[in-house]
Amino acid sequence: MSSPDAAPKIDNPTFESLGLNAVSLSAIKAAEFETPSPIQAAFIPIAIQGKDVIGLARTGTGKTTAFVMPILEQIDLTQNIPQALILAPTRELSEQVSKEAEKLAIHSPCHTVCLVGGRPIRSQINELKKGPHLLVGTPGRIIDLINRRELQLKSIKIVVLDEADRMLDIGFRPDIEKILRRCPKKRQTLLLSATMAAEIEQITQKYMQSPEKVDVTEGDAPAQQIEQYFLTADPDRKFGALVHALKQERPQQVIVFTRTKIGTDKMYNKFSKKLGKNVASMHGDLPQNKRDRVMQQFRKGDVRMLIATDVVGRGIDISGISHIINYDIPEFCDDYLHRVGRTGRLSSDAQGRAITFVTRDQGDQLTNIEMRINQLLPEYSLKEYEAARPVKSASHIDEPTESYEAPEFVIP
């Protein structure tokens, strides 16, 4: 791999100024991308030189294009062997990255295969036998295929760790390290993440060669495009507050984030009795075919309200989401950023709105979020409903104490 000096920073960059070839620029034009995002402008010129790069940027800022374009520039299309591997934390994100790669390879014969669990492994093995150039997948399925001796990584020249912090959060480090050890030592490694945790530092020191760091997270909290609020609500008044907030906001599309799978199912059961197909749920225990169906319906706008755990907190790029409601405040500040980042997306001109429900004993968690985004959140004004009232009992029952009609925004 070549290692020339890093490309100089360009003011008001265009895709033409990033060093992309004519085929890549024609794909960019076909995708109707006008100007590069900050992560694309900083990451692409270094990555296309073959250098190892660490890219730090929040979700929704165009990271996929930032690492896919350098891959398409460098693989040898005359060799029908796997030359690039992209690892992602979830099936949904892997499939989204795969589709994005296919879109950006519109003028190229690059063959991409997506390797994820929840899909028939036999069909994926058959695709591997056709000699794909680019592999996209989750660590678990990649390891499975390696163990079955259906996949070898000795021809890989570029490895991408997408949403690296999330992969480490959910326990993929042993699989990631096993995969990296199977790849040639002489390779390019690209790492994309929203944060630079200690575990990521360890991975970069062990498996990357003098990586250059591109950080566009400074001052890049989602507050730029998203109106954010908090709402103080007693546990036994939260559901009523949610219903009244939905009636008041009348969102185009909304994701309601809950902390647990059980909580997701409970809330879905309450809403589905009146809202029918306008509402759906999503969590890690759902079968893959149902998760796919839900996401397809949500993308099409057939589902207006999605109740979900953090399984959709990252990497889901849907421009029509107008509202995010954190029914359960996230445990970690970075999870807040990823949840809220589902609205006000790069591909959408609309300004999103996010409302986070906070109980009386969660003030410290709210403060931590405000410190993370460097902004004090205003309190949301909920009309005609008292979300917090003097506590008469020490018991907390997270059940509605009243009967509610369906929010009007989802009535056909």
Protein backbone atom coordinates (compact mmCIF):
# COMPACT_ATOMS: atom_id res chain seq x y z
CA MET A 1 0.00 0.00 0.00
CA SER A 2 1.13 3.49 -0.76
CA SER A 3 1.70 5.92 2.09
CA PRO A 4 2.04 9.44 0.69
CA ASP A 5 1.58 12.51 2.83
CA ALA A 6 -1.94 13.10 4.11
CA ALA A 7 -4.13 15.16 1.86
CA PRO A 8 -4.33 18.80 2.93
CA LYS A 9 -7.55 20.10 4.42
CA ILE A 10 -9.73 21.76 1.81
CA ASP A 11 -12.09 24.61 2.61
CA ASN A 12 -15.61 24.14 1.21
CA PRO A 13 -14.75 20.69 -0.19
CA THR A 14 -16.59 19.04 -3.05
CA PHE A 15 -16.58 15.37 -3.94
CA GLU A 16 -14.37 16.27 -6.92
CA SER A 17 -11.77 17.70 -4.52
CA LEU A 18 -11.49 14.51 -2.46
CA GLY A 19 -9.41 12.60 -5.03
CA LEU A 20 -12.14 10.20 -6.16
CA ASN A 21 -11.94 8.75 -9.66
CA ALA A 22 -14.45 9.31 -12.44
CA VAL A 23 -16.38 6.09 -11.77
CA SER A 24 -16.81 7.01 -8.11
CA LEU A 25 -17.89 10.53 -8.97
CA SER A 26 -20.50 9.23 -11.39
CA ALA A 27 -21.89 6.99 -8.63
CA ILE A 28 -21.97 9.94 -6.24
CA LYS A 29 -23.88 11.93 -8.83
CA ALA A 30 -26.32 9.08 -9.43
CA ALA A 31 -26.93 8.88 -5.66
CA GLU A 32 -27.73 12.63 -5.76
CA PHE A 33 -25.18 13.51 -3.08
CA GLU A 34 -24.41 17.21 -3.46
CA THR A 35 -21.59 18.05 -1.04
CA PRO A 36 -19.57 15.81 1.28
CA SER A 37 -20.41 15.75 4.97
CA PRO A 38 -17.58 16.61 7.40
CA ILE A 39 -16.68 12.96 8.03
CA GLN A 40 -16.67 12.23 4.30
CA ALA A 41 -14.53 15.26 3.51
CA ALA A 42 -11.96 14.39 6.18
CA PHE A 43 -11.98 10.59 5.95
CA ILE A 44 -12.05 9.81 2.21
CA PRO A 45 -8.82 11.59 1.10
CA ILE A 46 -6.79 9.69 3.71
CA ALA A 47 -8.50 6.32 3.26
CA ILE A 48 -8.10 6.22 -0.53
CA GLN A 49 -4.32 6.41 0.03
CA GLY A 50 -4.47 3.02 1.76
CA LYS A 51 -3.75 4.31 5.24
CA ASP A 52 -5.35 3.05 8.43
CA VAL A 53 -7.90 5.59 9.64
CA ILE A 54 -9.97 6.07 12.79
CA GLY A 55 -13.13 8.06 12.05
CA LEU A 56 -15.15 9.51 14.92
CA ALA A 57 -18.59 10.87 14.06
CA ARG A 58 -22.12 10.43 15.33
CA THR A 59 -24.64 8.36 13.42
CA GLY A 60 -26.52 10.00 10.59
CA THR A 61 -23.50 11.93 9.27
CA GLY A 62 -22.68 9.84 6.21
CA LYS A 63 -20.08 7.44 7.62
CA THR A 64 -21.06 4.58 5.31
CA THR A 65 -20.20 6.53 2.17
CA ALA A 66 -16.97 7.66 3.84
CA PHE A 67 -15.61 4.10 4.04
CA VAL A 68 -17.37 2.47 1.07
CA MET A 69 -15.95 4.86 -1.54
CA PRO A 70 -12.29 4.14 -0.63
CA ILE A 71 -13.04 0.40 -0.80
CA LEU A 72 -14.52 0.71 -4.29
CA GLU A 73 -11.49 2.74 -5.37
CA GLN A 74 -8.96 0.14 -4.22
CA ILE A 75 -10.31 -3.37 -4.88
CA ASP A 76 -9.17 -5.22 -7.98
CA LEU A 77 -12.31 -6.11 -9.93
CA THR A 78 -10.40 -8.52 -12.17
CA GLN A 79 -9.97 -10.88 -9.19
CA ASN A 80 -13.18 -12.57 -8.09
CA ILE A 81 -12.11 -13.10 -4.50
CA PRO A 82 -13.07 -11.38 -1.22
CA GLN A 83 -10.88 -8.30 -0.88
CA ALA A 84 -12.77 -6.15 1.64
CA LEU A 85 -14.66 -7.02 4.82
CA ILE A 86 -17.06 -4.70 6.65
CA LEU A 87 -18.11 -5.75 10.17
CA ALA A 88 -21.21 -4.19 11.74
CA PRO A 89 -22.96 -4.85 15.07
CA THR A 90 -26.47 -5.74 13.86
CA ARG A 91 -28.21 -7.51 11.01
CA GLU A 92 -30.17 -4.40 10.09
CA LEU A 93 -27.09 -2.21 9.88
CA SER A 94 -25.18 -4.85 7.91
CA GLU A 95 -27.97 -5.10 5.36
CA GLN A 96 -28.24 -1.33 5.14
CA VAL A 97 -24.49 -0.99 4.56
CA SER A 98 -24.65 -3.73 1.93
CA LYS A 99 -27.43 -1.91 0.07
CA GLU A 100 -25.52 1.36 0.27
CA ALA A 101 -22.42 -0.34 -1.15
CA GLU A 102 -24.45 -1.75 -4.03
CA LYS A 103 -25.90 1.69 -4.72
CA LEU A 104 -22.46 3.30 -4.76
CA ALA A 105 -21.15 0.53 -7.04
CA ILE A 106 -23.83 1.23 -9.64
CA HIS A 107 -21.20 1.81 -12.34
CA SER A 108 -18.88 -0.94 -11.11
CA PRO A 109 -19.02 -4.76 -11.38
CA CYS A 110 -18.26 -5.02 -7.66
CA HIS A 111 -20.08 -8.03 -6.19
CA THR A 112 -21.23 -7.56 -2.57
CA VAL A 113 -22.51 -10.30 -0.24
CA CYS A 114 -24.23 -9.71 3.09
CA LEU A 115 -23.52 -12.36 5.74
CA VAL A 116 -25.79 -12.16 8.78
CA GLY A 117 -27.62 -14.46 11.14
CA GLY A 118 -31.33 -14.97 10.74
CA ARG A 119 -30.85 -15.66 7.04
CA PRO A 120 -30.39 -19.11 5.41
CA ILE A 121 -26.71 -19.87 5.70
CA ARG A 122 -26.79 -22.19 2.68
CA SER A 123 -27.72 -19.36 0.32
CA GLN A 124 -24.91 -17.25 1.75
CA ILE A 125 -22.45 -20.10 1.20
CA ASN A 126 -23.63 -20.32 -2.40
CA GLU A 127 -23.01 -16.58 -2.83
CA LEU A 128 -19.51 -16.96 -1.43
CA LYS A 129 -18.75 -19.58 -4.08
CA LYS A 130 -19.45 -16.97 -6.78
CA GLY A 131 -16.38 -14.99 -5.75
CA PRO A 132 -17.65 -11.72 -4.23
CA HIS A 133 -15.32 -8.74 -3.91
CA LEU A 134 -16.89 -7.20 -0.81
CA LEU A 135 -18.23 -8.93 2.32
CA VAL A 136 -20.52 -7.20 4.79
CA GLY A 137 -21.67 -8.95 7.93
CA THR A 138 -22.00 -9.43 11.64
CA PRO A 139 -19.09 -10.98 13.56
CA GLY A 140 -21.17 -13.98 14.68
CA ARG A 141 -22.09 -15.12 11.17
CA ILE A 142 -18.58 -14.46 9.86
CA ILE A 143 -17.15 -16.68 12.62
CA ASP A 144 -19.76 -19.34 11.86
CA LEU A 145 -18.76 -19.43 8.20
CA ILE A 146 -15.07 -19.58 9.11
CA ASN A 147 -15.69 -22.47 11.50
CA ARG A 148 -17.59 -24.30 8.76
CA ARG A 149 -14.56 -23.74 6.48
CA GLU A 150 -16.78 -21.97 3.99
CA LEU A 151 -14.97 -18.64 4.32
CA GLN A 152 -11.30 -17.75 4.25
CA LEU A 153 -10.00 -14.24 4.79
CA LYS A 154 -6.47 -14.61 3.41
CA SER A 155 -7.27 -12.40 0.38
CA ILE A 156 -8.75 -9.53 2.42
CA LYS A 157 -6.96 -6.23 1.82
CA ILE A 158 -9.30 -3.86 3.67
CA VAL A 159 -11.18 -4.39 6.94
CA VAL A 160 -13.79 -1.94 8.24
CA LEU A 161 -15.06 -1.96 11.83
CA ASP A 162 -18.30 0.01 11.61
CA GLU A 163 -19.95 1.26 14.82
CA ALA A 164 -17.00 -0.22 16.68
CA ASP A 165 -18.09 1.06 20.07
CA ARG A 166 -21.45 -0.64 19.72
CA MET A 167 -19.86 -3.94 18.66
CA LEU A 168 -17.68 -3.87 21.76
CA ASP A 169 -20.61 -2.86 23.98
CA ILE A 170 -22.55 -5.98 23.03
CA GLY A 171 -19.64 -8.34 23.55
CA PHE A 172 -18.21 -8.88 20.07
CA ARG A 173 -14.59 -8.22 21.00
CA PRO A 174 -13.47 -11.91 21.05
CA ASP A 175 -15.07 -12.49 17.64
CA ILE A 176 -13.61 -9.28 16.21
CA GLU A 177 -10.13 -10.19 17.37
CA LYS A 178 -10.47 -13.71 16.00
CA ILE A 179 -11.53 -12.32 12.62
CA LEU A 180 -8.71 -9.76 12.53
CA ARG A 181 -6.16 -12.48 13.28
CA ARG A 182 -7.48 -14.46 10.29
CA CYS A 183 -6.91 -11.50 7.96
CA PRO A 184 -3.48 -10.75 6.47
CA LYS A 185 -1.31 -8.55 8.67
CA LYS A 186 -0.54 -6.40 5.66
CA ARG A 187 -3.92 -4.78 5.16
CA GLN A 188 -5.75 -1.51 5.57
CA THR A 189 -7.96 -1.20 8.66
CA LEU A 190 -10.67 1.46 8.92
CA LEU A 191 -12.48 1.98 12.20
CA LEU A 192 -15.65 4.05 12.53
CA SER A 193 -17.17 4.93 15.87
CA ALA A 194 -19.17 7.57 17.70
CA THR A 195 -16.90 7.40 20.75
CA MET A 196 -13.31 6.50 21.56
CA ALA A 197 -13.63 4.20 24.56
CA ALA A 198 -10.70 2.46 26.22
CA GLU A 199 -11.49 -0.85 24.53
CA ILE A 200 -11.36 0.82 21.12
CA GLU A 201 -7.97 2.30 21.98
CA GLN A 202 -6.76 -1.22 22.76
CA ILE A 203 -8.06 -2.56 19.45
CA THR A 204 -6.43 0.25 17.48
CA GLN A 205 -3.07 -0.20 19.21
CA LYS A 206 -3.10 -3.95 18.62
CA TYR A 207 -4.49 -4.24 15.11
CA MET A 208 -3.93 -0.91 13.29
CA GLN A 209 -0.74 0.45 11.76
CA SER A 210 -0.03 4.09 12.64
CA PRO A 211 -3.66 5.10 12.12
CA GLU A 212 -4.62 8.66 11.37
CA LYS A 213 -7.49 9.99 13.46
CA VAL A 214 -10.36 12.00 12.04
CA ASP A 215 -12.68 13.43 14.69
CA VAL A 216 -15.71 15.46 13.65
CA THR A 217 -17.60 14.98 16.93
CA GLU A 218 -16.42 18.26 18.42
CA GLY A 219 -19.53 20.38 18.82
CA ASP A 220 -21.43 17.86 16.71
CA ALA A 221 -24.13 16.95 19.20
CA PRO A 222 -27.52 16.36 17.61
CA ALA A 223 -28.82 19.64 19.03
CA GLN A 224 -27.94 21.34 15.74
CA GLN A 225 -30.87 19.78 13.93
CA ILE A 226 -33.05 18.48 16.73
CA GLU A 227 -35.25 20.24 19.25
CA GLN A 228 -34.70 18.40 22.51
CA TYR A 229 -36.81 18.49 25.67
CA PHE A 230 -37.25 16.64 28.93
CA LEU A 231 -40.55 15.84 30.64
CA THR A 232 -40.73 15.05 34.34
CA ALA A 233 -43.20 12.21 34.82
CA ASP A 234 -44.10 9.98 37.74
CA PRO A 235 -43.74 6.27 36.93
CA ASP A 236 -47.48 5.63 37.25
CA ARG A 237 -48.26 8.64 35.01
CA LYS A 238 -45.76 7.99 32.22
CA PHE A 239 -48.06 6.09 29.91
CA GLY A 240 -50.74 8.75 30.16
CA ALA A 241 -48.10 11.40 29.52
CA LEU A 242 -46.97 9.50 26.44
CA VAL A 243 -50.47 9.32 25.01
CA HIS A 244 -51.09 13.02 25.61
CA ALA A 245 -47.70 13.97 24.15
CA LEU A 246 -48.50 12.00 20.99
CA LYS A 247 -51.87 13.71 20.67
CA GLN A 248 -50.24 17.08 21.20
CA GLU A 249 -47.32 16.55 18.81
CA ARG A 250 -49.14 14.63 16.05
CA PRO A 251 -45.82 13.26 14.67
CA GLN A 252 -45.33 12.15 11.09
CA GLN A 253 -43.41 9.12 12.34
CA VAL A 254 -42.16 8.40 15.83
CA ILE A 255 -39.89 5.94 17.59
CA VAL A 256 -40.66 5.36 21.27
CA PHE A 257 -37.59 3.91 23.00
CA THR A 258 -37.98 1.61 25.98
CA ARG A 259 -35.21 0.01 27.99
CA THR A 260 -36.38 -3.61 28.03
CA LYS A 261 -37.90 -6.14 25.69
CA ILE A 262 -40.70 -6.79 28.20
CA GLY A 263 -41.47 -3.08 28.37
CA THR A 264 -41.56 -2.91 24.59
CA ASP A 265 -44.04 -5.77 24.37
CA LYS A 266 -46.26 -4.35 27.12
CA MET A 267 -46.48 -0.96 25.44
CA TYR A 268 -47.08 -2.49 22.01
CA ASN A 269 -49.97 -4.55 23.39
CA LYS A 270 -51.57 -1.42 24.85
CA PHE A 271 -51.36 0.57 21.61
CA SER A 272 -52.04 -2.19 19.10
CA LYS A 273 -55.54 -2.82 20.47
CA LYS A 274 -56.62 0.55 19.04
CA LEU A 275 -53.98 1.45 16.49
CA GLY A 276 -53.69 -1.86 14.64
CA LYS A 277 -51.11 -1.87 11.84
CA ASN A 278 -50.09 1.75 12.45
CA VAL A 279 -47.93 0.61 15.36
CA ALA A 280 -45.18 -2.02 15.54
CA SER A 281 -42.52 -3.18 17.97
CA MET A 282 -38.88 -4.10 17.57
CA HIS A 283 -36.41 -5.81 19.89
CA GLY A 284 -33.68 -8.43 19.73
CA ASP A 285 -35.91 -11.41 20.47
CA LEU A 286 -38.08 -10.96 17.39
CA PRO A 287 -37.45 -13.43 14.54
CA GLN A 288 -35.40 -11.92 11.74
CA ASN A 289 -38.17 -12.17 9.16
CA LYS A 290 -40.49 -10.17 11.43
CA ARG A 291 -37.78 -7.56 12.11
CA ASP A 292 -37.28 -7.19 8.36
CA ARG A 293 -41.01 -6.83 7.77
CA VAL A 294 -41.37 -4.21 10.50
CA MET A 295 -38.47 -2.13 9.17
CA GLN A 296 -39.80 -2.34 5.61
CA GLN A 297 -43.22 -1.14 6.75
CA PHE A 298 -41.64 1.64 8.81
CA ARG A 299 -39.52 2.81 5.88
CA LYS A 300 -42.59 2.89 3.62
CA GLY A 301 -44.53 4.90 6.21
CA ASP A 302 -47.15 2.17 6.70
CA VAL A 303 -46.07 2.00 10.35
CA ARG A 304 -46.27 5.42 11.97
CA MET A 305 -45.20 4.47 15.49
CA LEU A 306 -42.34 2.09 16.30
CA ILE A 307 -41.81 0.96 19.89
CA ALA A 308 -38.26 -0.31 20.26
CA THR A 309 -35.26 -1.07 22.38
CA ASP A 310 -31.81 0.15 21.42
CA VAL A 311 -31.66 -2.48 18.67
CA VAL A 312 -32.71 0.37 16.36
CA GLY A 313 -30.67 3.00 18.20
CA ARG A 314 -27.91 2.90 15.59
CA GLY A 315 -27.45 2.75 11.89
CA ILE A 316 -31.08 2.90 10.80
CA ASP A 317 -31.30 5.71 8.26
CA ILE A 318 -34.92 6.71 7.69
CA SER A 319 -35.47 10.33 6.79
CA GLY A 320 -39.18 10.52 7.66
CA ILE A 321 -38.83 10.15 11.44
CA SER A 322 -40.09 13.40 12.92
CA HIS A 323 -40.04 12.50 16.61
CA ILE A 324 -38.08 10.45 19.13
CA ILE A 325 -39.54 9.78 22.56
CA ASN A 326 -37.30 8.29 25.22
CA TYR A 327 -39.99 6.72 27.36
CA ASP A 328 -37.16 5.23 29.44
CA ILE A 329 -34.15 7.50 29.80
CA PRO A 330 -31.11 5.67 28.39
CA GLU A 331 -28.54 4.38 30.84
CA PHE A 332 -25.59 5.77 28.88
CA CYS A 333 -25.20 9.22 27.35
CA ASP A 334 -23.95 7.86 24.05
CA ASP A 335 -27.10 5.76 23.74
CA TYR A 336 -29.03 9.02 24.06
CA LEU A 337 -27.08 10.48 21.15
CA HIS A 338 -27.75 7.45 18.99
CA ARG A 339 -31.45 7.31 19.82
CA VAL A 340 -31.98 11.01 19.19
CA GLY A 341 -29.89 10.76 16.02
CA ARG A 342 -32.67 8.74 14.37
CA THR A 343 -34.46 12.03 13.68
CA GLY A 344 -33.08 15.17 12.03
CA ARG A 345 -31.14 12.89 9.68
CA LEU A 346 -28.55 14.05 7.16
CA SER A 347 -30.88 13.04 4.33
CA SER A 348 -33.80 15.02 5.72
CA ASP A 349 -34.39 18.76 5.68
CA ALA A 350 -36.88 18.49 8.52
CA GLN A 351 -35.90 19.45 12.04
CA GLY A 352 -36.63 16.62 14.42
CA ARG A 353 -37.97 16.74 17.95
CA ALA A 354 -36.97 14.55 20.89
CA ILE A 355 -38.67 14.26 24.27
CA THR A 356 -37.06 12.36 27.14
CA PHE A 357 -39.17 11.22 30.06
CA VAL A 358 -37.41 11.68 33.42
CA THR A 359 -38.62 10.47 36.80
CA ARG A 360 -37.85 12.38 39.99
CA ASP A 361 -34.89 10.16 40.87
CA GLN A 362 -33.24 10.43 37.43
CA GLY A 363 -32.03 14.01 37.66
CA ASP A 364 -28.37 12.95 37.64
CA GLN A 365 -28.88 10.99 34.42
CA LEU A 366 -30.47 14.03 32.80
CA THR A 367 -27.57 16.20 33.96
CA ASN A 368 -25.08 13.76 32.45
CA ILE A 369 -26.88 13.93 29.12
CA GLU A 370 -26.89 17.74 29.21
CA MET A 371 -23.17 17.77 29.95
CA ARG A 372 -22.56 15.35 27.07
CA ILE A 373 -24.38 17.54 24.54
CA ASN A 374 -23.25 20.79 26.18
CA GLN A 375 -26.79 22.10 26.34
CA LEU A 376 -29.47 22.53 28.99
CA LEU A 377 -32.68 20.89 27.83
CA PRO A 378 -35.87 22.91 28.23
CA GLU A 379 -38.83 21.30 29.96
CA TYR A 380 -41.59 20.10 27.68
CA SER A 381 -44.96 21.70 28.23
CA LEU A 382 -47.68 19.06 28.30
CA LYS A 383 -51.17 20.53 28.12
CA GLU A 384 -54.21 19.17 29.93
CA TYR A 385 -52.31 16.44 31.75
CA GLU A 386 -50.34 16.34 34.98
CA ALA A 387 -47.39 14.06 34.32
CA ALA A 388 -45.86 14.62 37.77
CA ARG A 389 -47.85 15.16 40.93
CA PRO A 390 -47.24 14.88 44.69
CA VAL A 391 -46.38 11.28 45.52
CA LYS A 392 -48.93 9.76 47.86
CA SER A 393 -47.38 6.32 47.98
CA ALA A 394 -43.87 4.93 47.88
CA SER A 395 -44.95 2.25 45.42
CA HIS A 396 -44.25 2.80 41.73
CA ILE A 397 -46.65 1.09 39.37
CA ASP A 398 -45.83 1.67 35.72
CA GLU A 399 -49.37 1.07 34.51
CA PRO A 400 -51.96 3.55 33.22
CA THR A 401 -54.56 4.43 35.83
CA GLU A 402 -56.96 5.76 33.23
CA SER A 403 -58.47 4.62 29.94
CA TYR A 404 -57.02 6.39 26.90
CA GLU A 405 -58.26 6.79 23.37
CA ALA A 406 -55.87 6.19 20.48
CA PRO A 407 -53.62 9.16 19.61
CA GLU A 408 -55.21 10.97 16.71
CA PHE A 409 -52.06 11.01 14.57
CA VAL A 410 -52.44 7.35 13.69
CA ILE A 411 -56.15 7.23 13.01
CA PRO A 412 -56.53 6.50 9.26
